């Protein structure tokens, strides 16, 4: 005659232990956290000067949840200038040039959460802005650009240095 399980053994088999419940709860929280980070779109952003790692405005990217992806270079279609802001502070300005310069400009590619890009954009003073920058490999990325015009009237071209950091090293030597 087959044995029939009693109610105690059925209850024990179907009732999860408190350890299992805790483990399941922790896994669910981890999965939820992972899904939130996956679901938050990120935007690559090219920076040339004051937002580079170690430069005075880099904290703005970090405070908005940005992180550095890599160092890269523009195509040879850009010139780099030093312009002065309203307070007389020097800052770099990358300008697309119709005649290639044969010199690429060093930059950093950062990633910012998409929901923070607008906040970042509204903090950028004219004549600088965000637009499309073409990298050395021909791929486009959003990044800092200069509108040109009057901003370049008294600007100094520094393309020959290959980037803002190299220019600063030369100025400090």
C-alpha atoms as a PDB file:
ATOM      1  CA  UNK A   1       0.000   0.000   0.000  1.00  0.00           C
ATOM      2  CA  UNK A   2       1.462   3.380  -1.027  1.00  0.00           C
ATOM      3  CA  UNK A   3       2.222   5.827   1.719  1.00  0.00           C
ATOM      4  CA  UNK A   4       0.197   8.984   1.815  1.00  0.00           C
ATOM      5  CA  UNK A   5       2.033  12.124   2.906  1.00  0.00           C
ATOM      6  CA  UNK A   6       0.594  13.836   5.955  1.00  0.00           C
ATOM      7  CA  UNK A   7      -0.273  17.523   6.025  1.00  0.00           C
ATOM      8  CA  UNK A   8       2.919  18.420   7.863  1.00  0.00           C
ATOM      9  CA  UNK A   9       5.160  17.113   5.072  1.00  0.00           C
ATOM     10  CA  UNK A  10       3.092  18.869   2.351  1.00  0.00           C
ATOM     11  CA  UNK A  11       3.253  22.164   4.226  1.00  0.00           C
ATOM     12  CA  UNK A  12       6.992  21.833   4.772  1.00  0.00           C
ATOM     13  CA  UNK A  13       7.614  21.108   1.082  1.00  0.00           C
ATOM     14  CA  UNK A  14       5.590  24.030  -0.250  1.00  0.00           C
ATOM     15  CA  UNK A  15       6.556  26.639   2.344  1.00  0.00           C
ATOM     16  CA  UNK A  16       9.818  28.445   1.500  1.00  0.00           C
ATOM     17  CA  UNK A  17      12.312  28.913   4.306  1.00  0.00           C
ATOM     18  CA  UNK A  18      13.091  32.414   5.497  1.00  0.00           C
ATOM     19  CA  UNK A  19      16.594  32.078   3.963  1.00  0.00           C
ATOM     20  CA  UNK A  20      15.067  31.335   0.540  1.00  0.00           C
ATOM     21  CA  UNK A  21      12.702  34.278   0.836  1.00  0.00           C
ATOM     22  CA  UNK A  22      15.575  36.620   1.717  1.00  0.00           C
ATOM     23  CA  UNK A  23      17.700  35.265  -1.122  1.00  0.00           C
ATOM     24  CA  UNK A  24      14.830  35.713  -3.609  1.00  0.00           C
ATOM     25  CA  UNK A  25      14.214  39.229  -2.323  1.00  0.00           C
ATOM     26  CA  UNK A  26      17.894  40.163  -2.734  1.00  0.00           C
ATOM     27  CA  UNK A  27      17.980  38.736  -6.273  1.00  0.00           C
ATOM     28  CA  UNK A  28      14.839  40.704  -7.176  1.00  0.00           C
ATOM     29  CA  UNK A  29      16.386  43.946  -5.890  1.00  0.00           C
ATOM     30  CA  UNK A  30      19.595  43.304  -7.838  1.00  0.00           C
ATOM     31  CA  UNK A  31      17.657  42.534 -11.014  1.00  0.00           C
ATOM     32  CA  UNK A  32      15.551  45.666 -10.561  1.00  0.00           C
ATOM     33  CA  UNK A  33      18.661  47.802 -10.078  1.00  0.00           C
ATOM     34  CA  UNK A  34      20.255  46.274 -13.196  1.00  0.00           C
ATOM     35  CA  UNK A  35      17.120  46.875 -15.232  1.00  0.00           C
ATOM     36  CA  UNK A  36      17.008  50.509 -14.135  1.00  0.00           C
ATOM     37  CA  UNK A  37      20.608  51.081 -15.233  1.00  0.00           C
ATOM     38  CA  UNK A  38      19.948  49.284 -18.531  1.00  0.00           C
ATOM     39  CA  UNK A  39      16.766  51.256 -19.132  1.00  0.00           C
ATOM     40  CA  UNK A  40      18.478  54.640 -18.582  1.00  0.00           C
ATOM     41  CA  UNK A  41      19.758  55.692 -22.016  1.00  0.00           C
ATOM     42  CA  UNK A  42      23.227  57.240 -22.179  1.00  0.00           C
ATOM     43  CA  UNK A  43      24.500  59.782 -24.694  1.00  0.00           C
ATOM     44  CA  UNK A  44      28.169  59.946 -25.757  1.00  0.00           C
ATOM     45  CA  UNK A  45      29.538  63.496 -25.575  1.00  0.00           C
ATOM     46  CA  UNK A  46      32.855  64.841 -26.914  1.00  0.00           C
ATOM     47  CA  UNK A  47      34.623  67.444 -24.748  1.00  0.00           C
ATOM     48  CA  UNK A  48      37.699  69.452 -25.744  1.00  0.00           C
ATOM     49  CA  UNK A  49      38.791  71.677 -22.877  1.00  0.00           C
ATOM     50  CA  UNK A  50      37.517  72.777 -19.498  1.00  0.00           C
ATOM     51  CA  UNK A  51      35.363  69.636 -19.144  1.00  0.00           C
ATOM     52  CA  UNK A  52      38.288  67.233 -19.744  1.00  0.00           C
ATOM     53  CA  UNK A  53      39.337  65.004 -16.846  1.00  0.00           C
ATOM     54  CA  UNK A  54      41.213  67.075 -14.272  1.00  0.00           C
ATOM     55  CA  UNK A  55      40.089  70.406 -15.737  1.00  0.00           C
ATOM     56  CA  UNK A  56      38.026  73.004 -13.822  1.00  0.00           C
ATOM     57  CA  UNK A  57      34.559  72.118 -15.211  1.00  0.00           C
ATOM     58  CA  UNK A  58      34.920  68.322 -15.273  1.00  0.00           C
ATOM     59  CA  UNK A  59      32.907  68.111 -12.050  1.00  0.00           C
ATOM     60  CA  UNK A  60      29.806  69.190 -14.001  1.00  0.00           C
ATOM     61  CA  UNK A  61      29.880  65.966 -16.014  1.00  0.00           C
ATOM     62  CA  UNK A  62      30.476  63.851 -12.926  1.00  0.00           C
ATOM     63  CA  UNK A  63      27.691  65.545 -10.933  1.00  0.00           C
ATOM     64  CA  UNK A  64      25.238  64.783 -13.757  1.00  0.00           C
ATOM     65  CA  UNK A  65      26.127  61.080 -13.639  1.00  0.00           C
ATOM     66  CA  UNK A  66      28.626  61.140 -16.495  1.00  0.00           C
ATOM     67  CA  UNK A  67      31.582  58.827 -16.863  1.00  0.00           C
ATOM     68  CA  UNK A  68      34.631  58.818 -19.120  1.00  0.00           C
ATOM     69  CA  UNK A  69      34.561  56.320 -21.982  1.00  0.00           C
ATOM     70  CA  UNK A  70      37.857  57.049 -23.748  1.00  0.00           C
ATOM     71  CA  UNK A  71      40.281  59.554 -25.224  1.00  0.00           C
ATOM     72  CA  UNK A  72      39.764  60.055 -28.961  1.00  0.00           C
ATOM     73  CA  UNK A  73      40.539  62.526 -31.773  1.00  0.00           C
ATOM     74  CA  UNK A  74      38.565  64.617 -34.237  1.00  0.00           C
ATOM     75  CA  UNK A  75      38.840  64.202 -37.963  1.00  0.00           C
ATOM     76  CA  UNK A  76      41.297  66.651 -39.524  1.00  0.00           C
ATOM     77  CA  UNK A  77      38.392  69.004 -40.358  1.00  0.00           C
ATOM     78  CA  UNK A  78      38.593  71.094 -37.178  1.00  0.00           C
ATOM     79  CA  UNK A  79      40.525  74.043 -35.906  1.00  0.00           C
ATOM     80  CA  UNK A  80      40.985  74.770 -32.212  1.00  0.00           C
ATOM     81  CA  UNK A  81      41.003  78.337 -30.913  1.00  0.00           C
ATOM     82  CA  UNK A  82      41.381  80.037 -27.559  1.00  0.00           C
ATOM     83  CA  UNK A  83      38.523  82.449 -26.948  1.00  0.00           C
ATOM     84  CA  UNK A  84      37.815  84.624 -23.937  1.00  0.00           C
ATOM     85  CA  UNK A  85      34.560  84.405 -22.014  1.00  0.00           C
ATOM     86  CA  UNK A  86      32.728  87.438 -20.588  1.00  0.00           C
ATOM     87  CA  UNK A  87      35.012  87.380 -17.515  1.00  0.00           C
ATOM     88  CA  UNK A  88      38.179  87.246 -19.646  1.00  0.00           C
ATOM     89  CA  UNK A  89      38.904  83.568 -18.948  1.00  0.00           C
ATOM     90  CA  UNK A  90      40.479  81.509 -21.729  1.00  0.00           C
ATOM     91  CA  UNK A  91      38.588  78.492 -23.065  1.00  0.00           C
ATOM     92  CA  UNK A  92      38.978  76.315 -26.128  1.00  0.00           C
ATOM     93  CA  UNK A  93      36.627  76.485 -29.082  1.00  0.00           C
ATOM     94  CA  UNK A  94      36.531  73.817 -31.799  1.00  0.00           C
ATOM     95  CA  UNK A  95      35.352  75.019 -35.201  1.00  0.00           C
ATOM     96  CA  UNK A  96      34.584  72.896 -38.241  1.00  0.00           C
ATOM     97  CA  UNK A  97      36.792  74.017 -41.115  1.00  0.00           C
ATOM     98  CA  UNK A  98      35.873  73.378 -44.746  1.00  0.00           C
ATOM     99  CA  UNK A  99      39.554  72.897 -45.560  1.00  0.00           C
ATOM    100  CA  UNK A 100      41.126  69.988 -43.663  1.00  0.00           C
ATOM    101  CA  UNK A 101      44.002  71.026 -41.435  1.00  0.00           C
ATOM    102  CA  UNK A 102      45.697  67.585 -41.466  1.00  0.00           C
ATOM    103  CA  UNK A 103      45.789  67.799 -37.666  1.00  0.00           C
ATOM    104  CA  UNK A 104      43.396  65.940 -35.403  1.00  0.00           C
ATOM    105  CA  UNK A 105      42.412  67.417 -32.048  1.00  0.00           C
ATOM    106  CA  UNK A 106      42.474  65.361 -28.868  1.00  0.00           C
ATOM    107  CA  UNK A 107      39.198  65.077 -26.974  1.00  0.00           C
ATOM    108  CA  UNK A 108      37.482  62.864 -24.433  1.00  0.00           C
ATOM    109  CA  UNK A 109      34.275  60.943 -24.985  1.00  0.00           C
ATOM    110  CA  UNK A 110      32.045  60.965 -21.908  1.00  0.00           C
ATOM    111  CA  UNK A 111      28.647  59.372 -21.442  1.00  0.00           C
ATOM    112  CA  UNK A 112      25.837  61.347 -19.847  1.00  0.00           C
ATOM    113  CA  UNK A 113      22.386  60.074 -18.936  1.00  0.00           C
ATOM    114  CA  UNK A 114      19.995  61.298 -21.637  1.00  0.00           C
ATOM    115  CA  UNK A 115      17.737  62.910 -19.035  1.00  0.00           C
ATOM    116  CA  UNK A 116      20.672  65.135 -17.930  1.00  0.00           C
ATOM    117  CA  UNK A 117      21.809  66.408 -21.351  1.00  0.00           C
ATOM    118  CA  UNK A 118      19.306  69.292 -21.432  1.00  0.00           C
ATOM    119  CA  UNK A 119      20.431  70.494 -18.013  1.00  0.00           C
ATOM    120  CA  UNK A 120      24.046  70.351 -19.193  1.00  0.00           C
ATOM    121  CA  UNK A 121      23.227  72.142 -22.471  1.00  0.00           C
ATOM    122  CA  UNK A 122      21.562  75.099 -20.761  1.00  0.00           C
ATOM    123  CA  UNK A 123      24.743  75.736 -18.764  1.00  0.00           C
ATOM    124  CA  UNK A 124      26.888  76.202 -21.875  1.00  0.00           C
ATOM    125  CA  UNK A 125      27.434  79.899 -22.669  1.00  0.00           C
ATOM    126  CA  UNK A 126      27.419  81.214 -26.243  1.00  0.00           C
ATOM    127  CA  UNK A 127      29.244  81.044 -28.590  1.00  0.00           C
ATOM    128  CA  UNK A 128      29.809  77.444 -27.479  1.00  0.00           C
ATOM    129  CA  UNK A 129      27.140  74.806 -27.857  1.00  0.00           C
ATOM    130  CA  UNK A 130      26.546  71.150 -28.586  1.00  0.00           C
ATOM    131  CA  UNK A 131      26.515  69.824 -32.121  1.00  0.00           C
ATOM    132  CA  UNK A 132      27.885  66.967 -34.181  1.00  0.00           C
ATOM    133  CA  UNK A 133      31.633  66.335 -34.076  1.00  0.00           C
ATOM    134  CA  UNK A 134      33.236  63.934 -36.555  1.00  0.00           C
ATOM    135  CA  UNK A 135      35.849  61.658 -35.031  1.00  0.00           C
ATOM    136  CA  UNK A 136      39.087  60.496 -36.636  1.00  0.00           C
ATOM    137  CA  UNK A 137      37.446  57.214 -37.678  1.00  0.00           C
ATOM    138  CA  UNK A 138      34.635  59.138 -39.429  1.00  0.00           C
ATOM    139  CA  UNK A 139      31.948  58.394 -36.850  1.00  0.00           C
ATOM    140  CA  UNK A 140      29.744  61.237 -35.576  1.00  0.00           C
ATOM    141  CA  UNK A 141      29.284  62.052 -31.888  1.00  0.00           C
ATOM    142  CA  UNK A 142      27.572  64.941 -30.113  1.00  0.00           C
ATOM    143  CA  UNK A 143      30.046  67.348 -28.582  1.00  0.00           C
ATOM    144  CA  UNK A 144      31.199  70.880 -28.007  1.00  0.00           C
ATOM    145  CA  UNK A 145      31.324  73.171 -31.013  1.00  0.00           C
ATOM    146  CA  UNK A 146      31.813  76.908 -31.438  1.00  0.00           C
ATOM    147  CA  UNK A 147      29.393  78.963 -33.489  1.00  0.00           C
ATOM    148  CA  UNK A 148      32.307  81.032 -34.809  1.00  0.00           C
ATOM    149  CA  UNK A 149      31.566  84.521 -36.116  1.00  0.00           C
ATOM    150  CA  UNK A 150      32.518  87.377 -33.800  1.00  0.00           C
ATOM    151  CA  UNK A 151      33.787  84.964 -31.133  1.00  0.00           C
ATOM    152  CA  UNK A 152      36.773  84.209 -33.357  1.00  0.00           C
ATOM    153  CA  UNK A 153      37.554  87.838 -34.236  1.00  0.00           C
ATOM    154  CA  UNK A 154      40.183  88.098 -31.468  1.00  0.00           C
ATOM    155  CA  UNK A 155      40.778  84.380 -30.967  1.00  0.00           C
ATOM    156  CA  UNK A 156      44.151  82.665 -31.110  1.00  0.00           C
ATOM    157  CA  UNK A 157      44.394  79.491 -33.151  1.00  0.00           C
ATOM    158  CA  UNK A 158      45.979  76.602 -31.238  1.00  0.00           C
ATOM    159  CA  UNK A 159      45.263  73.711 -33.631  1.00  0.00           C
ATOM    160  CA  UNK A 160      49.008  73.112 -34.011  1.00  0.00           C
ATOM    161  CA  UNK A 161      49.172  71.873 -30.380  1.00  0.00           C
ATOM    162  CA  UNK A 162      46.739  69.041 -31.116  1.00  0.00           C
ATOM    163  CA  UNK A 163      44.546  69.712 -28.087  1.00  0.00           C
ATOM    164  CA  UNK A 164      43.820  71.799 -25.006  1.00  0.00           C
ATOM    165  CA  UNK A 165      46.108  69.877 -22.640  1.00  0.00           C
ATOM    166  CA  UNK A 166      49.087  70.157 -24.993  1.00  0.00           C
ATOM    167  CA  UNK A 167      48.416  73.894 -25.329  1.00  0.00           C
ATOM    168  CA  UNK A 168      48.282  74.297 -21.525  1.00  0.00           C
ATOM    169  CA  UNK A 169      51.552  72.340 -21.113  1.00  0.00           C
ATOM    170  CA  UNK A 170      53.247  74.663 -23.594  1.00  0.00           C
ATOM    171  CA  UNK A 171      51.912  77.744 -21.827  1.00  0.00           C
ATOM    172  CA  UNK A 172      53.142  76.481 -18.454  1.00  0.00           C
ATOM    173  CA  UNK A 173      56.653  75.509 -19.592  1.00  0.00           C
END
